[in-house]
Amino acid sequence: MLYIKNGRILTMAGTIWENGQVLIEKGKIKEVGDKVPCPGKEVQVIDAKGGWVLPGLIEAHCHIGITEEKKGFEGDDCNEVNQPITPYLKALDAVNPMDSAFHNALSAGITTVMVGPGSSNVVGGQFLAMKTFGRVIDRMILKEPAAMKVAFGENPKSNYSGQGKLPSTRMSIGAALREELTRAQNYLSRKKQAAENGDSFETDYQLECWTPVLEGKIPLKAHVHRADDILTAIRIAKEFDLSMTLDHCTEGHLIAEEIQNAGFPAIVGPTLSSRNKIEVQNMDFKTPGILQKAGVLVAITTDHPVTRIQYLPICAGFAAKEGLGIDQALEAITRNPAQICGVGDRVGTIEPGKDGDLAIFDGNPMEVFTKTLYTIVDGQVAYQQGETDEKEG
């Protein structure tokens, strides 16, 4: 058991305990409040000493462990650049929990990440949601698959136009995605018909991966920067009645009302980076605030390693400064990404029954001088300020 006392507990579920306690038992939050007693001498006690206690922070879109730091080609497994439609690829098979960036994430209070392939392909493959503490990825999984990556605009165009194959235009990106979704729909229809008739059916590995998408169990995860690409993604998702997240959403502030009407959430960023592409010429930290005020559910992303993952709370701070506000910015790195990533039943708030994932800071984590004192994953201290890197990973 783990008992945290003397903390300013921001549950992110509507309650703040100015001098509260949290009790974690068997990896789950058992109690939280300002009158939670310490159950006995055998309990590990952490004195927060007035520090801020939050749910573990959540990175909603990144490539940690699949584009490894300090490894070059040998550690880069982010994009399969030989064919534009690869839905059957699993990030699960490429993420290396030994990547040093996982320790950087823990040192910033980040306990959950959404990881997957990059944006070179029209369909890149399957994302997973995972914890940041551990050495065996199979034991770190929160949800797998958690989303299907699709990409619009500059990246798939630039990758395949030089190879003399589709897509080389936005038209062919849309057409290729529609064709693949239609094939997947037809496959699922044949599979269901065979089941109803009691007939045998041969599983097609390259199409079976679409089943959770078509059945509404996981969303499309759409790489979109420009306003027109955002609208194309919305158009196609509506045509096929699919759920979707709008990742990057760089020009979302220009069409905020359209996004709100569509009902899709936005994962905004990486904004702490250069405007190195035409698609991101209108990139600004004001985007999350404008979208949030329009009624869009918003999360913040670093898109690690584009911006290093440990700067997630700093990115949220800049968004707070530019109109999102402090409370909403904290939500954008805790409860909102948990909901958007489909893991809100386990993480994102400090409530009884949720996973024992917490971060303790000596102040507001969105301020540059704030230090992470403890990061706790499943009730275990995964990072403690001042310790060596022996626990890295």
Protein backbone atom coordinates (compact mmCIF):
# COMPACT_ATOMS: atom_id res chain seq x y z
CA MET A 1 0.00 0.00 0.00
CA LEU A 2 1.05 3.58 -0.66
CA TYR A 3 -0.20 6.57 1.35
CA ILE A 4 0.32 10.16 0.19
CA LYS A 5 -0.30 12.96 2.66
CA ASN A 6 -0.07 16.75 2.87
CA GLY A 7 -0.71 17.26 -0.82
CA ARG A 8 -2.65 19.81 -2.81
CA ILE A 9 -4.63 17.15 -4.64
CA LEU A 10 -6.08 18.13 -7.99
CA THR A 11 -8.24 15.14 -8.81
CA MET A 12 -9.14 16.54 -12.28
CA ALA A 13 -12.59 15.15 -11.55
CA GLY A 14 -13.98 18.41 -10.19
CA THR A 15 -12.50 18.39 -6.68
CA ILE A 16 -9.36 19.95 -5.21
CA TRP A 17 -8.20 18.95 -1.72
CA GLU A 18 -5.90 21.67 -0.41
CA ASN A 19 -4.42 19.38 2.26
CA GLY A 20 -5.43 15.91 1.23
CA GLN A 21 -4.43 12.29 1.16
CA VAL A 22 -4.46 9.45 -1.37
CA LEU A 23 -4.40 5.77 -0.49
CA ILE A 24 -3.33 3.26 -3.17
CA GLU A 25 -3.81 -0.45 -2.66
CA LYS A 26 -2.86 -3.25 -5.08
CA GLY A 27 -2.06 -0.72 -7.77
CA LYS A 28 -5.46 1.01 -7.60
CA ILE A 29 -6.63 4.20 -5.92
CA LYS A 30 -8.64 3.15 -2.89
CA GLU A 31 -9.44 6.50 -1.26
CA VAL A 32 -8.86 10.21 -1.81
CA GLY A 33 -9.90 13.16 0.31
CA ASP A 34 -8.87 15.32 3.27
CA LYS A 35 -9.70 12.79 5.99
CA VAL A 36 -8.24 9.56 4.68
CA PRO A 37 -6.47 7.80 7.60
CA CYS A 38 -3.14 6.05 7.23
CA PRO A 39 -4.01 2.34 7.59
CA GLY A 40 -0.93 1.21 9.51
CA LYS A 41 2.81 0.95 9.94
CA GLU A 42 3.38 -1.38 6.98
CA VAL A 43 2.29 1.29 4.52
CA GLN A 44 4.78 3.25 2.40
CA VAL A 45 4.19 6.93 3.20
CA ILE A 46 5.04 9.88 0.96
CA ASP A 47 4.83 13.35 2.44
CA ALA A 48 3.98 15.69 -0.44
CA LYS A 49 4.83 18.69 1.78
CA GLY A 50 2.25 20.90 0.12
CA GLY A 51 3.18 19.88 -3.41
CA TRP A 52 0.69 19.49 -6.23
CA VAL A 53 -0.63 15.94 -6.62
CA LEU A 54 -2.12 15.22 -10.04
CA PRO A 55 -3.10 12.16 -12.01
CA GLY A 56 -0.15 10.99 -14.07
CA LEU A 57 0.18 13.17 -17.16
CA ILE A 58 -0.82 11.72 -20.54
CA GLU A 59 0.80 12.21 -23.95
CA ALA A 60 -1.93 11.57 -26.53
CA HIS A 61 0.21 11.27 -29.68
CA CYS A 62 3.88 10.41 -29.87
CA HIS A 63 6.51 8.06 -31.25
CA ILE A 64 8.42 7.28 -28.06
CA GLY A 65 10.25 3.97 -28.28
CA ILE A 66 9.46 3.58 -31.98
CA THR A 67 11.71 6.49 -32.96
CA GLU A 68 14.35 5.94 -30.32
CA GLU A 69 16.66 8.66 -29.09
CA LYS A 70 20.39 8.34 -29.76
CA LYS A 71 19.94 5.27 -31.99
CA GLY A 72 19.74 6.59 -35.58
CA PHE A 73 18.60 4.15 -38.26
CA GLU A 74 18.76 1.13 -35.95
CA GLY A 75 16.27 2.68 -33.57
CA ASP A 76 13.94 4.25 -36.14
CA ASP A 77 10.95 2.00 -36.87
CA CYS A 78 8.34 4.73 -37.23
CA ASN A 79 7.47 4.62 -40.94
CA GLU A 80 7.20 1.72 -43.39
CA VAL A 81 7.85 3.62 -46.60
CA ASN A 82 7.48 0.91 -49.24
CA GLN A 83 3.70 0.86 -49.66
CA PRO A 84 1.13 3.53 -48.77
CA ILE A 85 -1.54 1.30 -47.17
CA THR A 86 -0.31 -0.69 -44.15
CA PRO A 87 -3.14 -0.98 -41.60
CA TYR A 88 -1.91 -4.36 -40.38
CA LEU A 89 1.31 -2.98 -38.85
CA LYS A 90 1.39 -2.86 -35.05
CA ALA A 91 3.36 -0.35 -33.03
CA LEU A 92 3.35 -3.05 -30.37
CA ASP A 93 5.99 -4.91 -32.38
CA ALA A 94 8.36 -1.95 -32.65
CA VAL A 95 8.22 0.07 -29.41
CA ASN A 96 11.34 -0.41 -27.30
CA PRO A 97 10.68 0.32 -23.59
CA MET A 98 14.46 0.68 -23.13
CA ASP A 99 14.39 3.96 -25.08
CA SER A 100 15.88 6.59 -22.75
CA ALA A 101 12.92 8.87 -23.50
CA PHE A 102 10.75 6.74 -21.23
CA HIS A 103 12.82 7.85 -18.27
CA ASN A 104 12.51 11.46 -19.48
CA ALA A 105 8.74 11.00 -19.55
CA LEU A 106 8.69 9.69 -15.99
CA SER A 107 10.86 12.59 -14.85
CA ALA A 108 8.14 14.94 -16.13
CA GLY A 109 5.29 13.08 -14.42
CA ILE A 110 4.07 11.41 -17.62
CA THR A 111 2.68 7.95 -16.90
CA THR A 112 0.66 7.13 -20.05
CA VAL A 113 1.51 7.56 -23.72
CA MET A 114 -0.28 6.88 -26.99
CA VAL A 115 2.33 5.48 -29.39
CA GLY A 116 2.21 4.54 -33.02
CA PRO A 117 3.55 4.81 -36.55
CA GLY A 118 4.32 8.06 -38.34
CA SER A 119 2.61 9.82 -41.20
CA SER A 120 4.44 8.73 -44.34
CA ASN A 121 1.60 6.39 -45.33
CA VAL A 122 -2.06 7.05 -46.07
CA VAL A 123 -2.72 4.25 -43.56
CA GLY A 124 0.21 3.72 -41.24
CA GLY A 125 -0.94 1.07 -38.80
CA GLN A 126 -2.15 0.57 -35.25
CA PHE A 127 -1.40 2.72 -32.20
CA LEU A 128 -1.38 1.47 -28.63
CA ALA A 129 -1.84 3.17 -25.26
CA MET A 130 0.76 2.14 -22.69
CA LYS A 131 2.35 3.01 -19.36
CA THR A 132 5.80 4.58 -19.28
CA PHE A 133 7.25 2.38 -16.52
CA GLY A 134 8.55 -1.11 -17.19
CA ARG A 135 10.84 -3.14 -19.39
CA VAL A 136 8.36 -5.58 -20.97
CA ILE A 137 5.89 -3.84 -23.25
CA ASP A 138 3.31 -6.62 -22.96
CA ARG A 139 2.97 -5.75 -19.27
CA MET A 140 2.76 -1.99 -19.94
CA ILE A 141 -0.22 -2.03 -22.30
CA LEU A 142 -3.37 -0.11 -21.44
CA LYS A 143 -5.15 -0.65 -24.75
CA GLU A 144 -4.04 -2.37 -27.95
CA PRO A 145 -4.97 -1.64 -30.62
CA ALA A 146 -6.06 1.82 -29.52
CA ALA A 147 -6.38 3.62 -32.87
CA MET A 148 -5.70 3.30 -36.60
CA LYS A 149 -3.28 5.87 -38.03
CA VAL A 150 -4.22 7.65 -41.25
CA ALA A 151 -2.47 10.66 -42.78
CA PHE A 152 -3.42 13.49 -45.09
CA GLY A 153 -1.48 16.20 -46.88
CA GLU A 154 2.20 16.82 -47.28
CA ASN A 155 3.83 13.74 -45.74
CA PRO A 156 2.28 10.91 -47.79
CA LYS A 157 2.46 13.13 -50.88
CA SER A 158 6.17 13.81 -50.50
CA ASN A 159 7.02 10.21 -49.66
CA TYR A 160 5.36 8.56 -52.65
CA SER A 161 5.53 11.21 -55.39
CA GLY A 162 9.28 10.57 -55.63
CA GLN A 163 8.68 6.83 -55.99
CA GLY A 164 6.46 7.24 -59.04
CA LYS A 165 3.42 5.74 -57.35
CA LEU A 166 0.22 6.89 -55.67
CA PRO A 167 -0.37 9.08 -53.79
CA SER A 168 1.18 12.21 -55.20
CA THR A 169 -1.86 14.46 -54.71
CA ARG A 170 -4.47 15.07 -52.04
CA MET A 171 -7.02 13.57 -54.44
CA SER A 172 -5.23 10.24 -54.51
CA ILE A 173 -4.82 10.23 -50.71
CA GLY A 174 -8.59 10.53 -50.31
CA ALA A 175 -9.25 7.99 -53.03
CA ALA A 176 -6.79 5.45 -51.58
CA LEU A 177 -8.32 5.71 -48.12
CA ARG A 178 -11.87 5.37 -49.43
CA GLU A 179 -10.88 2.34 -51.50
CA GLU A 180 -9.26 0.66 -48.49
CA LEU A 181 -12.23 1.39 -46.22
CA THR A 182 -14.62 0.00 -48.82
CA ARG A 183 -12.54 -3.20 -49.09
CA ALA A 184 -12.61 -3.48 -45.30
CA GLN A 185 -16.38 -2.95 -45.15
CA ASN A 186 -16.96 -5.62 -47.79
CA TYR A 187 -14.67 -8.02 -45.94
CA LEU A 188 -16.50 -7.50 -42.65
CA SER A 189 -19.86 -7.94 -44.38
CA ARG A 190 -18.73 -11.26 -45.90
CA LYS A 191 -17.39 -12.38 -42.53
CA LYS A 192 -20.68 -11.62 -40.78
CA GLN A 193 -22.68 -13.31 -43.52
CA ALA A 194 -20.52 -16.42 -43.24
CA ALA A 195 -21.04 -16.49 -39.47
CA GLU A 196 -24.82 -16.18 -39.87
CA ASN A 197 -24.87 -19.01 -42.42
CA GLY A 198 -22.51 -21.21 -40.45
CA ASP A 199 -20.03 -21.17 -43.33
CA SER A 200 -16.27 -21.33 -42.99
CA PHE A 201 -14.43 -18.06 -43.49
CA GLU A 202 -10.73 -17.49 -44.10
CA THR A 203 -9.35 -14.58 -42.10
CA ASP A 204 -7.49 -11.97 -44.15
CA TYR A 205 -4.80 -10.55 -41.88
CA GLN A 206 -4.47 -7.37 -43.94
CA LEU A 207 -8.18 -6.56 -43.56
CA GLU A 208 -9.11 -8.09 -40.20
CA CYS A 209 -7.31 -5.18 -38.48
CA TRP A 210 -10.06 -2.83 -39.67
CA THR A 211 -12.77 -4.65 -37.71
CA PRO A 212 -12.44 -2.67 -34.44
CA VAL A 213 -12.45 0.57 -36.46
CA LEU A 214 -15.58 -0.31 -38.42
CA GLU A 215 -17.31 -1.55 -35.27
CA GLY A 216 -16.60 1.73 -33.48
CA LYS A 217 -14.28 0.24 -30.87
CA ILE A 218 -11.27 2.36 -31.83
CA PRO A 219 -10.97 5.60 -33.83
CA LEU A 220 -9.10 6.70 -36.87
CA LYS A 221 -6.11 8.73 -35.72
CA ALA A 222 -5.84 11.34 -38.46
CA HIS A 223 -2.62 13.26 -39.11
CA VAL A 224 -3.97 16.62 -40.29
CA HIS A 225 -2.39 20.08 -40.28
CA ARG A 226 -4.07 22.27 -42.91
CA ALA A 227 -7.72 23.27 -42.67
CA ASP A 228 -8.58 21.58 -45.96
CA ASP A 229 -7.01 18.31 -44.82
CA ILE A 230 -8.92 18.50 -41.54
CA LEU A 231 -12.14 18.90 -43.49
CA THR A 232 -11.28 16.00 -45.83
CA ALA A 233 -10.65 13.75 -42.83
CA ILE A 234 -13.99 14.77 -41.36
CA ARG A 235 -15.74 14.19 -44.68
CA ILE A 236 -14.38 10.65 -45.06
CA ALA A 237 -15.01 9.70 -41.42
CA LYS A 238 -18.62 10.83 -41.81
CA GLU A 239 -19.01 8.92 -45.08
CA PHE A 240 -18.01 5.67 -43.36
CA ASP A 241 -19.58 6.50 -39.97
CA LEU A 242 -16.29 6.24 -38.08
CA SER A 243 -15.00 7.82 -34.90
CA MET A 244 -11.80 9.84 -35.25
CA THR A 245 -9.29 12.06 -33.50
CA LEU A 246 -7.81 15.08 -35.30
CA ASP A 247 -4.11 14.92 -34.51
CA HIS A 248 -1.95 18.07 -34.83
CA CYS A 249 -4.97 20.09 -36.04
CA THR A 250 -2.59 23.00 -36.69
CA GLU A 251 -5.11 25.18 -38.52
CA GLY A 252 -8.03 24.04 -36.39
CA HIS A 253 -8.49 27.55 -35.04
CA LEU A 254 -9.44 28.68 -38.56
CA ILE A 255 -12.39 26.24 -38.73
CA ALA A 256 -13.19 25.74 -35.03
CA GLU A 257 -16.96 25.80 -35.54
CA GLU A 258 -16.79 23.15 -38.26
CA ILE A 259 -14.73 20.88 -36.01
CA GLN A 260 -17.14 21.38 -33.13
CA ASN A 261 -20.10 20.57 -35.37
CA ALA A 262 -18.35 17.41 -36.56
CA GLY A 263 -17.95 16.23 -32.97
CA PHE A 264 -14.35 15.01 -33.21
CA PRO A 265 -11.72 15.79 -30.54
CA ALA A 266 -8.43 17.54 -31.33
CA ILE A 267 -4.92 16.62 -30.20
CA VAL A 268 -3.00 19.83 -30.83
CA GLY A 269 0.74 20.11 -31.39
CA PRO A 270 3.67 19.94 -31.64
CA THR A 271 3.70 23.71 -31.27
CA LEU A 272 7.05 24.05 -29.51
CA SER A 273 8.87 23.45 -32.79
CA SER A 274 9.75 25.29 -35.98
CA ARG A 275 7.39 26.15 -38.81
CA ASN A 276 9.48 24.01 -41.12
CA LYS A 277 6.70 22.99 -43.51
CA ILE A 278 4.10 24.90 -45.50
CA GLU A 279 1.40 22.96 -43.64
CA VAL A 280 2.40 24.45 -40.28
CA GLN A 281 2.83 28.09 -41.31
CA ASN A 282 -0.18 29.03 -39.11
CA MET A 283 0.99 27.04 -36.09
CA ASP A 284 0.28 28.88 -32.81
CA PHE A 285 -0.28 28.14 -29.14
CA LYS A 286 -3.62 29.97 -29.40
CA THR A 287 -5.16 27.03 -31.29
CA PRO A 288 -6.11 24.88 -28.24
CA GLY A 289 -7.85 27.78 -26.51
CA ILE A 290 -9.87 28.73 -29.58
CA LEU A 291 -10.94 25.13 -30.11
CA GLN A 292 -11.80 24.63 -26.44
CA LYS A 293 -13.92 27.78 -26.38
CA ALA A 294 -15.75 26.50 -29.46
CA GLY A 295 -16.68 23.35 -27.54
CA VAL A 296 -14.06 20.95 -28.93
CA LEU A 297 -12.49 18.40 -26.58
CA VAL A 298 -8.76 19.25 -26.65
CA ALA A 299 -5.52 17.52 -25.68
CA ILE A 300 -1.94 18.76 -26.05
CA THR A 301 0.82 16.75 -27.74
CA THR A 302 4.59 17.04 -28.14
CA ASP A 303 4.60 14.54 -31.02
CA HIS A 304 7.83 13.26 -29.47
CA PRO A 305 10.55 13.32 -30.73
CA VAL A 306 9.51 16.40 -32.74
CA THR A 307 9.35 18.13 -29.37
CA ARG A 308 10.89 16.12 -26.55
CA ILE A 309 8.28 14.41 -24.43
CA GLN A 310 9.37 15.93 -21.10
CA TYR A 311 8.21 19.33 -22.35
CA LEU A 312 4.56 18.27 -22.49
CA PRO A 313 3.57 20.26 -19.36
CA ILE A 314 5.51 23.29 -20.65
CA CYS A 315 3.60 23.12 -23.94
CA ALA A 316 0.38 23.04 -21.93
CA GLY A 317 1.62 26.10 -20.04
CA PHE A 318 2.16 28.05 -23.25
CA ALA A 319 -1.34 27.06 -24.39
CA ALA A 320 -2.71 28.25 -21.04
CA LYS A 321 -0.95 31.59 -21.51
CA GLU A 322 -2.32 32.00 -25.04
CA GLY A 323 -5.97 31.54 -24.11
CA LEU A 324 -6.62 27.98 -22.99
CA GLY A 325 -6.42 28.87 -19.29
CA ILE A 326 -4.72 27.05 -16.43
CA ASP A 327 -7.51 24.65 -15.49
CA GLN A 328 -8.27 23.69 -19.09
CA ALA A 329 -4.56 23.25 -19.88
CA LEU A 330 -4.17 20.81 -17.00
CA GLU A 331 -7.21 18.93 -18.29
CA ALA A 332 -5.55 18.83 -21.74
CA ILE A 333 -2.71 16.68 -20.35
CA THR A 334 -4.76 14.53 -17.94
CA ARG A 335 -8.46 13.77 -18.19
CA ASN A 336 -9.01 14.94 -21.79
CA PRO A 337 -6.34 12.75 -23.41
CA ALA A 338 -7.50 9.82 -21.27
CA GLN A 339 -10.98 10.23 -22.70
CA ILE A 340 -9.75 10.85 -26.25
CA CYS A 341 -7.46 7.81 -26.18
CA GLY A 342 -10.18 5.52 -24.83
CA VAL A 343 -8.54 4.82 -21.47
CA GLY A 344 -10.51 7.20 -19.25
CA ASP A 345 -11.88 4.28 -17.27
CA ARG A 346 -8.39 3.66 -15.87
CA VAL A 347 -6.36 6.88 -15.93
CA GLY A 348 -6.68 10.66 -16.20
CA THR A 349 -8.28 11.46 -12.83
CA ILE A 350 -7.64 10.65 -9.17
CA GLU A 351 -10.72 8.63 -8.23
CA PRO A 352 -11.30 5.36 -6.35
CA GLY A 353 -10.96 2.40 -8.69
CA LYS A 354 -8.64 4.13 -11.14
CA ASP A 355 -5.03 2.99 -11.65
CA GLY A 356 -2.60 4.27 -9.04
CA ASP A 357 -0.84 6.60 -11.49
CA LEU A 358 0.06 9.96 -9.92
CA ALA A 359 2.63 12.71 -10.21
CA ILE A 360 3.72 14.96 -7.36
CA PHE A 361 5.23 18.36 -8.19
CA ASP A 362 6.60 21.14 -6.00
CA GLY A 363 4.25 23.57 -7.78
CA ASN A 364 2.31 24.00 -11.00
CA PRO A 365 3.86 21.52 -13.49
CA MET A 366 3.27 23.97 -16.35
CA GLU A 367 5.84 26.42 -14.92
CA VAL A 368 9.45 26.01 -16.03
CA PHE A 369 11.00 26.04 -12.55
CA THR A 370 8.65 23.37 -11.16
CA LYS A 371 10.26 20.05 -10.28
CA THR A 372 8.74 16.59 -10.39
CA LEU A 373 9.14 15.11 -6.91
CA TYR A 374 7.61 11.68 -7.52
CA THR A 375 6.05 9.79 -10.40
CA ILE A 376 3.94 6.81 -9.37
CA VAL A 377 2.75 4.09 -11.75
CA ASP A 378 0.37 1.37 -10.60
CA GLY A 379 1.14 2.29 -7.01
CA GLN A 380 4.92 1.99 -7.45
CA VAL A 381 7.38 4.87 -7.22
CA ALA A 382 8.80 4.93 -10.74
CA TYR A 383 10.72 8.20 -10.38
CA GLN A 384 11.92 10.19 -7.38
CA GLN A 385 13.66 13.51 -7.72
CA GLY A 386 17.31 13.28 -6.78
CA GLU A 387 17.69 9.57 -7.40
CA THR A 388 20.11 8.19 -9.98
CA ASP A 389 18.91 6.67 -13.23
CA GLU A 390 18.96 3.13 -11.84
CA LYS A 391 15.19 2.95 -12.26
CA GLU A 392 15.31 4.21 -15.82
CA GLY A 393 12.73 2.44 -17.99
